[in-house]
Amino acid sequence: MGLFGRIEQPVLADYLSGIVIGRELVLAHHRFATRVEAGAPLLIIGDDALCSRYMEEISIIFGATPTHMGNTAPAGLFRFALEAGLLPQSGFAS
């Protein structure tokens, strides 16, 4: 759609993001719907802006409100780097 000018460039990234998120959540629903219906919590970890898109769609697709746990990825990746010996052990609080 972007190639043939059916969608303007400024909104193309949002459009593509919506397609990816929608497809991902439809597949997740097929796989995890039974667990969610049984009361399993829906937890989201990541960037606030991206997670807000997921939270909105999860509410629609699963009919449940997810909990955003924050963006723990940087701290986790830092910990992996320390444990893998990619960073010096001294000077960092763990």
PDB file of N, CA and C in Angstrom:
ATOM      1  N   MET A   1       0.828  -1.191   0.000  1.00  0.00           N
ATOM      2  CA  MET A   1       0.000   0.000   0.000  1.00  0.00           C
ATOM      3  C   MET A   1       0.869   1.251   0.000  1.00  0.00           C
ATOM      4  N   GLY A   2       1.998   1.179   0.695  1.00  0.00           N
ATOM      5  CA  GLY A   2       2.908   2.309   0.668  1.00  0.00           C
ATOM      6  C   GLY A   2       3.584   2.453  -0.680  1.00  0.00           C
ATOM      7  N   LEU A   3       3.899   1.337  -1.298  1.00  0.00           N
ATOM      8  CA  LEU A   3       4.575   1.334  -2.594  1.00  0.00           C
ATOM      9  C   LEU A   3       3.738   2.011  -3.661  1.00  0.00           C
ATOM     10  N   PHE A   4       2.444   1.824  -3.621  1.00  0.00           N
ATOM     11  CA  PHE A   4       1.564   2.399  -4.632  1.00  0.00           C
ATOM     12  C   PHE A   4       0.833   3.648  -4.161  1.00  0.00           C
ATOM     13  N   GLY A   5       1.290   4.221  -3.043  1.00  0.00           N
ATOM     14  CA  GLY A   5       0.751   5.488  -2.563  1.00  0.00           C
ATOM     15  C   GLY A   5      -0.654   5.410  -1.981  1.00  0.00           C
ATOM     16  N   ARG A   6      -1.093   4.225  -1.604  1.00  0.00           N
ATOM     17  CA  ARG A   6      -2.424   4.095  -1.013  1.00  0.00           C
ATOM     18  C   ARG A   6      -2.418   4.463   0.465  1.00  0.00           C
ATOM     19  N   ILE A   7      -1.215   4.487   1.057  1.00  0.00           N
ATOM     20  CA  ILE A   7      -1.046   4.950   2.436  1.00  0.00           C
ATOM     21  C   ILE A   7       0.109   5.940   2.427  1.00  0.00           C
ATOM     22  N   GLU A   8      -0.093   7.065   3.072  1.00  0.00           N
ATOM     23  CA  GLU A   8       0.951   8.088   3.130  1.00  0.00           C
ATOM     24  C   GLU A   8       2.112   7.624   4.002  1.00  0.00           C
ATOM     25  N   GLN A   9       3.299   8.030   3.661  1.00  0.00           N
ATOM     26  CA  GLN A   9       4.517   7.637   4.357  1.00  0.00           C
ATOM     27  C   GLN A   9       4.467   7.871   5.871  1.00  0.00           C
ATOM     28  N   PRO A  10       3.961   9.005   6.367  1.00  0.00           N
ATOM     29  CA  PRO A  10       3.974   9.242   7.818  1.00  0.00           C
ATOM     30  C   PRO A  10       3.192   8.220   8.640  1.00  0.00           C
ATOM     31  N   VAL A  11       2.185   7.571   8.062  1.00  0.00           N
ATOM     32  CA  VAL A  11       1.385   6.613   8.827  1.00  0.00           C
ATOM     33  C   VAL A  11       1.693   5.160   8.469  1.00  0.00           C
ATOM     34  N   LEU A  12       2.603   4.950   7.539  1.00  0.00           N
ATOM     35  CA  LEU A  12       2.909   3.595   7.091  1.00  0.00           C
ATOM     36  C   LEU A  12       3.481   2.727   8.205  1.00  0.00           C
ATOM     37  N   ALA A  13       4.371   3.272   9.017  1.00  0.00           N
ATOM     38  CA  ALA A  13       4.960   2.492  10.110  1.00  0.00           C
ATOM     39  C   ALA A  13       3.885   2.054  11.105  1.00  0.00           C
ATOM     40  N   ASP A  14       2.942   2.941  11.431  1.00  0.00           N
ATOM     41  CA  ASP A  14       1.859   2.580  12.345  1.00  0.00           C
ATOM     42  C   ASP A  14       0.966   1.505  11.734  1.00  0.00           C
ATOM     43  N   TYR A  15       0.701   1.618  10.454  1.00  0.00           N
ATOM     44  CA  TYR A  15      -0.122   0.631   9.758  1.00  0.00           C
ATOM     45  C   TYR A  15       0.541  -0.747   9.800  1.00  0.00           C
ATOM     46  N   LEU A  16       1.812  -0.804   9.465  1.00  0.00           N
ATOM     47  CA  LEU A  16       2.527  -2.080   9.477  1.00  0.00           C
ATOM     48  C   LEU A  16       2.631  -2.648  10.892  1.00  0.00           C
ATOM     49  N   SER A  17       2.864  -1.786  11.865  1.00  0.00           N
ATOM     50  CA  SER A  17       2.911  -2.227  13.259  1.00  0.00           C
ATOM     51  C   SER A  17       1.587  -2.849  13.656  1.00  0.00           C
ATOM     52  N   GLY A  18       0.497  -2.244  13.256  1.00  0.00           N
ATOM     53  CA  GLY A  18      -0.823  -2.774  13.564  1.00  0.00           C
ATOM     54  C   GLY A  18      -1.058  -4.146  12.958  1.00  0.00           C
ATOM     55  N   ILE A  19      -0.581  -4.346  11.735  1.00  0.00           N
ATOM     56  CA  ILE A  19      -0.719  -5.654  11.087  1.00  0.00           C
ATOM     57  C   ILE A  19       0.068  -6.708  11.858  1.00  0.00           C
ATOM     58  N   VAL A  20       1.309  -6.384  12.223  1.00  0.00           N
ATOM     59  CA  VAL A  20       2.152  -7.342  12.948  1.00  0.00           C
ATOM     60  C   VAL A  20       1.551  -7.666  14.317  1.00  0.00           C
ATOM     61  N   ILE A  21       1.160  -6.646  15.055  1.00  0.00           N
ATOM     62  CA  ILE A  21       0.577  -6.858  16.387  1.00  0.00           C
ATOM     63  C   ILE A  21      -0.711  -7.674  16.270  1.00  0.00           C
ATOM     64  N   GLY A  22      -1.563  -7.317  15.330  1.00  0.00           N
ATOM     65  CA  GLY A  22      -2.817  -8.047  15.160  1.00  0.00           C
ATOM     66  C   GLY A  22      -2.594  -9.510  14.852  1.00  0.00           C
ATOM     67  N   ARG A  23      -1.693  -9.800  13.937  1.00  0.00           N
ATOM     68  CA  ARG A  23      -1.403 -11.192  13.571  1.00  0.00           C
ATOM     69  C   ARG A  23      -0.821 -11.956  14.763  1.00  0.00           C
ATOM     70  N   GLU A  24       0.097 -11.316  15.451  1.00  0.00           N
ATOM     71  CA  GLU A  24       0.732 -11.937  16.614  1.00  0.00           C
ATOM     72  C   GLU A  24      -0.304 -12.286  17.685  1.00  0.00           C
ATOM     73  N   LEU A  25      -1.233 -11.384  17.930  1.00  0.00           N
ATOM     74  CA  LEU A  25      -2.215 -11.614  18.981  1.00  0.00           C
ATOM     75  C   LEU A  25      -3.299 -12.606  18.570  1.00  0.00           C
ATOM     76  N   VAL A  26      -3.631 -12.662  17.292  1.00  0.00           N
ATOM     77  CA  VAL A  26      -4.579 -13.686  16.836  1.00  0.00           C
ATOM     78  C   VAL A  26      -3.969 -15.064  17.047  1.00  0.00           C
ATOM     79  N   LEU A  27      -2.697 -15.227  16.699  1.00  0.00           N
ATOM     80  CA  LEU A  27      -2.017 -16.508  16.921  1.00  0.00           C
ATOM     81  C   LEU A  27      -1.923 -16.820  18.418  1.00  0.00           C
ATOM     82  N   ALA A  28      -1.619 -15.807  19.226  1.00  0.00           N
ATOM     83  CA  ALA A  28      -1.536 -16.005  20.670  1.00  0.00           C
ATOM     84  C   ALA A  28      -2.897 -16.410  21.235  1.00  0.00           C
ATOM     85  N   HIS A  29      -3.944 -15.820  20.720  1.00  0.00           N
ATOM     86  CA  HIS A  29      -5.281 -16.173  21.199  1.00  0.00           C
ATOM     87  C   HIS A  29      -5.578 -17.640  20.926  1.00  0.00           C
ATOM     88  N   HIS A  30      -5.260 -18.109  19.738  1.00  0.00           N
ATOM     89  CA  HIS A  30      -5.490 -19.525  19.416  1.00  0.00           C
ATOM     90  C   HIS A  30      -4.703 -20.437  20.353  1.00  0.00           C
ATOM     91  N   ARG A  31      -3.527 -20.012  20.730  1.00  0.00           N
ATOM     92  CA  ARG A  31      -2.666 -20.860  21.557  1.00  0.00           C
ATOM     93  C   ARG A  31      -2.966 -20.758  23.062  1.00  0.00           C
ATOM     94  N   PHE A  32      -3.318 -19.571  23.533  1.00  0.00           N
ATOM     95  CA  PHE A  32      -3.407 -19.345  24.979  1.00  0.00           C
ATOM     96  C   PHE A  32      -4.796 -18.992  25.509  1.00  0.00           C
ATOM     97  N   ALA A  33      -5.809 -18.977  24.678  1.00  0.00           N
ATOM     98  CA  ALA A  33      -7.146 -18.558  25.116  1.00  0.00           C
ATOM     99  C   ALA A  33      -7.638 -19.383  26.298  1.00  0.00           C
ATOM    100  N   THR A  34      -7.415 -20.679  26.273  1.00  0.00           N
ATOM    101  CA  THR A  34      -7.882 -21.545  27.357  1.00  0.00           C
ATOM    102  C   THR A  34      -7.234 -21.160  28.677  1.00  0.00           C
ATOM    103  N   ARG A  35      -5.944 -20.851  28.656  1.00  0.00           N
ATOM    104  CA  ARG A  35      -5.250 -20.447  29.888  1.00  0.00           C
ATOM    105  C   ARG A  35      -5.794 -19.130  30.425  1.00  0.00           C
ATOM    106  N   VAL A  36      -6.025 -18.183  29.522  1.00  0.00           N
ATOM    107  CA  VAL A  36      -6.540 -16.869  29.946  1.00  0.00           C
ATOM    108  C   VAL A  36      -7.942 -17.035  30.522  1.00  0.00           C
ATOM    109  N   GLU A  37      -8.773 -17.848  29.872  1.00  0.00           N
ATOM    110  CA  GLU A  37     -10.129 -18.091  30.373  1.00  0.00           C
ATOM    111  C   GLU A  37     -10.099 -18.756  31.748  1.00  0.00           C
ATOM    112  N   ALA A  38      -9.036 -19.520  32.023  1.00  0.00           N
ATOM    113  CA  ALA A  38      -8.889 -20.185  33.323  1.00  0.00           C
ATOM    114  C   ALA A  38      -8.321 -19.253  34.385  1.00  0.00           C
ATOM    115  N   GLY A  39      -8.015 -18.004  34.001  1.00  0.00           N
ATOM    116  CA  GLY A  39      -7.552 -17.025  34.973  1.00  0.00           C
ATOM    117  C   GLY A  39      -6.076 -16.719  34.959  1.00  0.00           C
ATOM    118  N   ALA A  40      -5.337 -17.271  34.004  1.00  0.00           N
ATOM    119  CA  ALA A  40      -3.906 -16.956  33.917  1.00  0.00           C
ATOM    120  C   ALA A  40      -3.738 -15.461  33.646  1.00  0.00           C
ATOM    121  N   PRO A  41      -2.800 -14.823  34.330  1.00  0.00           N
ATOM    122  CA  PRO A  41      -2.614 -13.380  34.124  1.00  0.00           C
ATOM    123  C   PRO A  41      -1.980 -13.081  32.766  1.00  0.00           C
ATOM    124  N   LEU A  42      -2.322 -11.951  32.224  1.00  0.00           N
ATOM    125  CA  LEU A  42      -1.709 -11.453  30.999  1.00  0.00           C
ATOM    126  C   LEU A  42      -0.739 -10.352  31.396  1.00  0.00           C
ATOM    127  N   LEU A  43       0.544 -10.619  31.263  1.00  0.00           N
ATOM    128  CA  LEU A  43       1.578  -9.665  31.641  1.00  0.00           C
ATOM    129  C   LEU A  43       2.311  -9.180  30.395  1.00  0.00           C
ATOM    130  N   ILE A  44       2.588  -7.893  30.354  1.00  0.00           N
ATOM    131  CA  ILE A  44       3.305  -7.304  29.229  1.00  0.00           C
ATOM    132  C   ILE A  44       4.549  -6.621  29.762  1.00  0.00           C
ATOM    133  N   ILE A  45       5.664  -6.869  29.108  1.00  0.00           N
ATOM    134  CA  ILE A  45       6.936  -6.264  29.484  1.00  0.00           C
ATOM    135  C   ILE A  45       7.495  -5.565  28.251  1.00  0.00           C
ATOM    136  N   GLY A  46       7.853  -4.298  28.392  1.00  0.00           N
ATOM    137  CA  GLY A  46       8.466  -3.588  27.274  1.00  0.00           C
ATOM    138  C   GLY A  46       8.244  -2.095  27.329  1.00  0.00           C
ATOM    139  N   ASP A  47       8.589  -1.464  26.242  1.00  0.00           N
ATOM    140  CA  ASP A  47       8.482  -0.022  26.061  1.00  0.00           C
ATOM    141  C   ASP A  47       7.033   0.440  26.217  1.00  0.00           C
ATOM    142  N   ASP A  48       6.831   1.524  26.937  1.00  0.00           N
ATOM    143  CA  ASP A  48       5.483   2.018  27.216  1.00  0.00           C
ATOM    144  C   ASP A  48       4.652   2.245  25.952  1.00  0.00           C
ATOM    145  N   ALA A  49       5.228   2.904  24.956  1.00  0.00           N
ATOM    146  CA  ALA A  49       4.471   3.238  23.752  1.00  0.00           C
ATOM    147  C   ALA A  49       4.034   1.984  23.003  1.00  0.00           C
ATOM    148  N   LEU A  50       4.929   1.046  22.845  1.00  0.00           N
ATOM    149  CA  LEU A  50       4.586  -0.184  22.132  1.00  0.00           C
ATOM    150  C   LEU A  50       3.622  -1.039  22.954  1.00  0.00           C
ATOM    151  N   CYS A  51       3.866  -1.123  24.253  1.00  0.00           N
ATOM    152  CA  CYS A  51       2.992  -1.927  25.107  1.00  0.00           C
ATOM    153  C   CYS A  51       1.580  -1.378  25.158  1.00  0.00           C
ATOM    154  N   SER A  52       1.408  -0.076  25.035  1.00  0.00           N
ATOM    155  CA  SER A  52       0.057   0.484  25.047  1.00  0.00           C
ATOM    156  C   SER A  52      -0.734  -0.014  23.845  1.00  0.00           C
ATOM    157  N   ARG A  53      -0.053  -0.197  22.703  1.00  0.00           N
ATOM    158  CA  ARG A  53      -0.725  -0.757  21.519  1.00  0.00           C
ATOM    159  C   ARG A  53      -1.152  -2.200  21.792  1.00  0.00           C
ATOM    160  N   TYR A  54      -0.236  -2.975  22.357  1.00  0.00           N
ATOM    161  CA  TYR A  54      -0.556  -4.364  22.679  1.00  0.00           C
ATOM    162  C   TYR A  54      -1.686  -4.448  23.690  1.00  0.00           C
ATOM    163  N   MET A  55      -1.654  -3.621  24.709  1.00  0.00           N
ATOM    164  CA  MET A  55      -2.672  -3.675  25.762  1.00  0.00           C
ATOM    165  C   MET A  55      -4.065  -3.412  25.202  1.00  0.00           C
ATOM    166  N   GLU A  56      -4.155  -2.451  24.318  1.00  0.00           N
ATOM    167  CA  GLU A  56      -5.446  -2.132  23.709  1.00  0.00           C
ATOM    168  C   GLU A  56      -5.974  -3.323  22.906  1.00  0.00           C
ATOM    169  N   GLU A  57      -5.117  -3.911  22.103  1.00  0.00           N
ATOM    170  CA  GLU A  57      -5.536  -5.047  21.268  1.00  0.00           C
ATOM    171  C   GLU A  57      -5.799  -6.300  22.090  1.00  0.00           C
ATOM    172  N   ILE A  58      -5.008  -6.536  23.126  1.00  0.00           N
ATOM    173  CA  ILE A  58      -5.238  -7.700  23.989  1.00  0.00           C
ATOM    174  C   ILE A  58      -6.598  -7.597  24.652  1.00  0.00           C
ATOM    175  N   SER A  59      -6.955  -6.412  25.088  1.00  0.00           N
ATOM    176  CA  SER A  59      -8.266  -6.215  25.707  1.00  0.00           C
ATOM    177  C   SER A  59      -9.389  -6.587  24.736  1.00  0.00           C
ATOM    178  N   ILE A  60      -9.193  -6.263  23.464  1.00  0.00           N
ATOM    179  CA  ILE A  60     -10.208  -6.567  22.451  1.00  0.00           C
ATOM    180  C   ILE A  60     -10.218  -8.064  22.129  1.00  0.00           C
ATOM    181  N   ILE A  61      -9.064  -8.630  21.855  1.00  0.00           N
ATOM    182  CA  ILE A  61      -8.983 -10.019  21.397  1.00  0.00           C
ATOM    183  C   ILE A  61      -9.251 -11.023  22.516  1.00  0.00           C
ATOM    184  N   PHE A  62      -8.670 -10.798  23.692  1.00  0.00           N
ATOM    185  CA  PHE A  62      -8.822 -11.741  24.793  1.00  0.00           C
ATOM    186  C   PHE A  62      -9.980 -11.391  25.719  1.00  0.00           C
ATOM    187  N   GLY A  63     -10.454 -10.160  25.654  1.00  0.00           N
ATOM    188  CA  GLY A  63     -11.507  -9.746  26.563  1.00  0.00           C
ATOM    189  C   GLY A  63     -11.022  -9.644  28.001  1.00  0.00           C
ATOM    190  N   ALA A  64      -9.738  -9.401  28.178  1.00  0.00           N
ATOM    191  CA  ALA A  64      -9.143  -9.290  29.513  1.00  0.00           C
ATOM    192  C   ALA A  64      -8.153  -8.130  29.504  1.00  0.00           C
ATOM    193  N   THR A  65      -7.954  -7.553  30.667  1.00  0.00           N
ATOM    194  CA  THR A  65      -7.033  -6.430  30.779  1.00  0.00           C
ATOM    195  C   THR A  65      -5.651  -6.922  31.220  1.00  0.00           C
ATOM    196  N   PRO A  66      -4.643  -6.689  30.397  1.00  0.00           N
ATOM    197  CA  PRO A  66      -3.291  -7.112  30.768  1.00  0.00           C
ATOM    198  C   PRO A  66      -2.659  -6.145  31.762  1.00  0.00           C
ATOM    199  N   THR A  67      -1.608  -6.603  32.429  1.00  0.00           N
ATOM    200  CA  THR A  67      -0.846  -5.775  33.355  1.00  0.00           C
ATOM    201  C   THR A  67       0.499  -5.457  32.721  1.00  0.00           C
ATOM    202  N   HIS A  68       0.828  -4.169  32.649  1.00  0.00           N
ATOM    203  CA  HIS A  68       2.118  -3.744  32.105  1.00  0.00           C
ATOM    204  C   HIS A  68       3.139  -3.732  33.236  1.00  0.00           C
ATOM    205  N   MET A  69       4.165  -4.538  33.108  1.00  0.00           N
ATOM    206  CA  MET A  69       5.173  -4.688  34.150  1.00  0.00           C
ATOM    207  C   MET A  69       6.324  -3.687  34.006  1.00  0.00           C
ATOM    208  N   GLY A  70       6.270  -2.839  33.001  1.00  0.00           N
ATOM    209  CA  GLY A  70       7.343  -1.890  32.768  1.00  0.00           C
ATOM    210  C   GLY A  70       8.347  -2.428  31.758  1.00  0.00           C
ATOM    211  N   ASN A  71       9.368  -1.654  31.520  1.00  0.00           N
ATOM    212  CA  ASN A  71      10.387  -2.055  30.549  1.00  0.00           C
ATOM    213  C   ASN A  71      11.570  -2.653  31.300  1.00  0.00           C
ATOM    214  N   THR A  72      11.506  -3.939  31.564  1.00  0.00           N
ATOM    215  CA  THR A  72      12.568  -4.616  32.302  1.00  0.00           C
ATOM    216  C   THR A  72      13.677  -5.136  31.392  1.00  0.00           C
ATOM    217  N   ALA A  73      13.518  -4.981  30.098  1.00  0.00           N
ATOM    218  CA  ALA A  73      14.512  -5.506  29.159  1.00  0.00           C
ATOM    219  C   ALA A  73      15.909  -4.920  29.361  1.00  0.00           C
ATOM    220  N   PRO A  74      16.075  -3.604  29.515  1.00  0.00           N
ATOM    221  CA  PRO A  74      17.434  -3.083  29.699  1.00  0.00           C
ATOM    222  C   PRO A  74      18.138  -3.676  30.916  1.00  0.00           C
ATOM    223  N   ALA A  75      17.432  -3.780  32.030  1.00  0.00           N
ATOM    224  CA  ALA A  75      18.048  -4.347  33.242  1.00  0.00           C
ATOM    225  C   ALA A  75      18.384  -5.821  33.035  1.00  0.00           C
ATOM    226  N   GLY A  76      17.505  -6.550  32.367  1.00  0.00           N
ATOM    227  CA  GLY A  76      17.762  -7.962  32.096  1.00  0.00           C
ATOM    228  C   GLY A  76      18.932  -8.169  31.167  1.00  0.00           C
ATOM    229  N   LEU A  77      19.007  -7.373  30.123  1.00  0.00           N
ATOM    230  CA  LEU A  77      20.127  -7.490  29.188  1.00  0.00           C
ATOM    231  C   LEU A  77      21.445  -7.118  29.859  1.00  0.00           C
ATOM    232  N   PHE A  78      21.406  -6.130  30.739  1.00  0.00           N
ATOM    233  CA  PHE A  78      22.595  -5.746  31.490  1.00  0.00           C
ATOM    234  C   PHE A  78      23.060  -6.917  32.348  1.00  0.00           C
ATOM    235  N   ARG A  79      22.115  -7.563  33.008  1.00  0.00           N
ATOM    236  CA  ARG A  79      22.445  -8.714  33.864  1.00  0.00           C
ATOM    237  C   ARG A  79      23.033  -9.864  33.044  1.00  0.00           C
ATOM    238  N   PHE A  80      22.450 -10.125  31.879  1.00  0.00           N
ATOM    239  CA  PHE A  80      22.997 -11.157  30.983  1.00  0.00           C
ATOM    240  C   PHE A  80      24.431 -10.823  30.591  1.00  0.00           C
ATOM    241  N   ALA A  81      24.680  -9.559  30.260  1.00  0.00           N
ATOM    242  CA  ALA A  81      26.022  -9.143  29.856  1.00  0.00           C
ATOM    243  C   ALA A  81      27.017  -9.332  30.992  1.00  0.00           C
ATOM    244  N   LEU A  82      26.615  -8.996  32.219  1.00  0.00           N
ATOM    245  CA  LEU A  82      27.490  -9.211  33.373  1.00  0.00           C
ATOM    246  C   LEU A  82      27.796 -10.698  33.565  1.00  0.00           C
ATOM    247  N   GLU A  83      26.751 -11.514  33.538  1.00  0.00           N
ATOM    248  CA  GLU A  83      26.907 -12.947  33.759  1.00  0.00           C
ATOM    249  C   GLU A  83      27.726 -13.612  32.643  1.00  0.00           C
ATOM    250  N   ALA A  84      27.639 -13.093  31.442  1.00  0.00           N
ATOM    251  CA  ALA A  84      28.383 -13.657  30.309  1.00  0.00           C
ATOM    252  C   ALA A  84      29.827 -13.161  30.267  1.00  0.00           C
ATOM    253  N   GLY A  85      30.168 -12.255  31.182  1.00  0.00           N
ATOM    254  CA  GLY A  85      31.525 -11.732  31.216  1.00  0.00           C
ATOM    255  C   GLY A  85      31.807 -10.681  30.163  1.00  0.00           C
ATOM    256  N   LEU A  86      30.748 -10.090  29.607  1.00  0.00           N
ATOM    257  CA  LEU A  86      30.922  -9.064  28.591  1.00  0.00           C
ATOM    258  C   LEU A  86      31.219  -7.692  29.182  1.00  0.00           C
ATOM    259  N   LEU A  87      30.994  -7.548  30.489  1.00  0.00           N
ATOM    260  CA  LEU A  87      31.258  -6.291  31.200  1.00  0.00           C
ATOM    261  C   LEU A  87      32.106  -6.607  32.418  1.00  0.00           C
ATOM    262  N   PRO A  88      32.916  -5.654  32.857  1.00  0.00           N
ATOM    263  CA  PRO A  88      33.698  -5.903  34.070  1.00  0.00           C
ATOM    264  C   PRO A  88      32.767  -6.021  35.278  1.00  0.00           C
ATOM    265  N   GLN A  89      33.091  -6.903  36.223  1.00  0.00           N
ATOM    266  CA  GLN A  89      32.269  -7.123  37.411  1.00  0.00           C
ATOM    267  C   GLN A  89      32.369  -5.955  38.400  1.00  0.00           C
ATOM    268  N   SER A  90      33.505  -5.294  38.452  1.00  0.00           N
ATOM    269  CA  SER A  90      33.692  -4.218  39.439  1.00  0.00           C
ATOM    270  C   SER A  90      33.017  -2.932  38.948  1.00  0.00           C
ATOM    271  N   GLY A  91      32.531  -2.171  39.889  1.00  0.00           N
ATOM    272  CA  GLY A  91      31.958  -0.865  39.555  1.00  0.00           C
ATOM    273  C   GLY A  91      30.480  -0.890  39.271  1.00  0.00           C
ATOM    274  N   PHE A  92      29.844  -2.061  39.246  1.00  0.00           N
ATOM    275  CA  PHE A  92      28.420  -2.155  38.975  1.00  0.00           C
ATOM    276  C   PHE A  92      27.714  -2.782  40.168  1.00  0.00           C
ATOM    277  N   ALA A  93      26.601  -2.214  40.536  1.00  0.00           N
ATOM    278  CA  ALA A  93      25.774  -2.822  41.593  1.00  0.00           C
ATOM    279  C   ALA A  93      24.859  -3.832  40.924  1.00  0.00           C
ATOM    280  N   SER A  94      24.739  -4.993  41.503  1.00  0.00           N
ATOM    281  CA  SER A  94      23.875  -6.010  40.875  1.00  0.00           C
ATOM    282  C   SER A  94      22.650  -6.283  41.626  1.00  0.00           C
TER     283      SER A  94
END
